[in-house]
């Protein structure tokens, strides 16, 4: 996957698809076929921020959307992971 010119898009999609689950850099690195250190380095190089910061932003965004639709706060938090 890392040889793909779409590494950042692939990484973003991977994280988005797994928002409701526990996501570890170690598991993601195995799935991408690289070391966790290399994964973190590539993510920061291509996106300009750390992977955990990006993931936190995704979770915040995911928790806000249900609130806008009128869902309870607890429900939104559980859905966002």
Protein backbone atom coordinates (compact mmCIF):
# COMPACT_ATOMS: atom_id res chain seq x y z
CA UNK A 1 0.00 0.00 0.00
CA UNK A 2 2.80 2.46 0.72
CA UNK A 3 3.96 2.42 -2.88
CA UNK A 4 0.60 3.76 -3.90
CA UNK A 5 0.54 7.41 -4.94
CA UNK A 6 -2.67 7.54 -2.91
CA UNK A 7 -1.05 6.62 0.43
CA UNK A 8 -2.65 9.50 2.28
CA UNK A 9 -6.08 8.81 0.79
CA UNK A 10 -5.71 5.10 1.64
CA UNK A 11 -4.65 5.92 5.21
CA UNK A 12 -7.51 8.38 5.70
CA UNK A 13 -10.03 5.86 4.36
CA UNK A 14 -8.61 3.13 6.60
CA UNK A 15 -9.06 5.31 9.67
CA UNK A 16 -12.51 6.52 8.65
CA UNK A 17 -13.73 2.97 8.00
CA UNK A 18 -12.66 1.92 11.50
CA UNK A 19 -13.85 4.91 13.53
CA UNK A 20 -16.18 2.87 15.73
CA UNK A 21 -13.41 0.40 16.64
CA UNK A 22 -10.16 0.55 18.54
CA UNK A 23 -7.50 1.64 16.07
CA UNK A 24 -3.82 0.99 16.71
CA UNK A 25 -0.88 2.18 14.68
CA UNK A 26 0.65 -1.28 15.09
CA UNK A 27 -2.37 -3.01 13.49
CA UNK A 28 -2.60 -0.40 10.76
CA UNK A 29 1.11 -0.80 10.01
CA UNK A 30 0.69 -4.56 9.65
CA UNK A 31 -2.23 -4.01 7.28
CA UNK A 32 -0.13 -1.56 5.24
CA UNK A 33 2.90 -3.86 5.31
CA UNK A 34 5.28 -1.41 6.99
CA UNK A 35 6.62 -0.69 10.47
CA UNK A 36 4.60 1.50 12.87
CA UNK A 37 7.42 4.06 12.87
CA UNK A 38 7.48 4.24 9.07
CA UNK A 39 3.69 4.51 8.97
CA UNK A 40 3.73 7.44 11.42
CA UNK A 41 6.52 9.10 9.48
CA UNK A 42 4.72 8.75 6.13
CA UNK A 43 1.44 9.95 7.57
CA UNK A 44 3.01 13.08 9.03
CA UNK A 45 5.06 13.67 5.89
CA UNK A 46 2.03 13.47 3.60
CA UNK A 47 -0.58 15.13 5.84
CA UNK A 48 1.41 17.56 7.95
CA UNK A 49 -0.07 16.27 11.23
CA UNK A 50 0.35 13.22 13.43
CA UNK A 51 -1.96 10.30 12.80
CA UNK A 52 -3.42 10.48 16.33
CA UNK A 53 -4.27 14.16 15.81
CA UNK A 54 -6.02 13.34 12.54
CA UNK A 55 -7.91 10.49 14.20
CA UNK A 56 -8.99 12.75 17.09
CA UNK A 57 -10.34 15.24 14.56
CA UNK A 58 -12.24 12.50 12.75
CA UNK A 59 -13.79 11.35 16.01
CA UNK A 60 -14.83 14.88 16.94
CA UNK A 61 -16.38 15.37 13.53
CA UNK A 62 -18.14 12.02 13.72
CA UNK A 63 -19.56 12.87 17.14
CA UNK A 64 -20.92 16.24 15.97
CA UNK A 65 -22.90 14.98 12.98
CA UNK A 66 -25.42 12.93 15.02
CA UNK A 67 -25.86 15.85 17.42
CA UNK A 68 -26.80 18.07 14.51
CA UNK A 69 -29.40 15.46 13.58
CA UNK A 70 -30.83 15.61 17.12
CA UNK A 71 -29.39 12.37 18.50
CA UNK A 72 -28.55 12.15 22.24
CA UNK A 73 -24.98 13.01 23.29
CA UNK A 74 -24.34 9.51 24.67
CA UNK A 75 -25.38 7.94 21.36
CA UNK A 76 -23.11 10.28 19.41
CA UNK A 77 -20.13 9.52 21.67
CA UNK A 78 -20.59 5.77 21.35
CA UNK A 79 -20.87 5.98 17.58
CA UNK A 80 -17.72 8.08 17.29
CA UNK A 81 -15.62 5.59 19.27
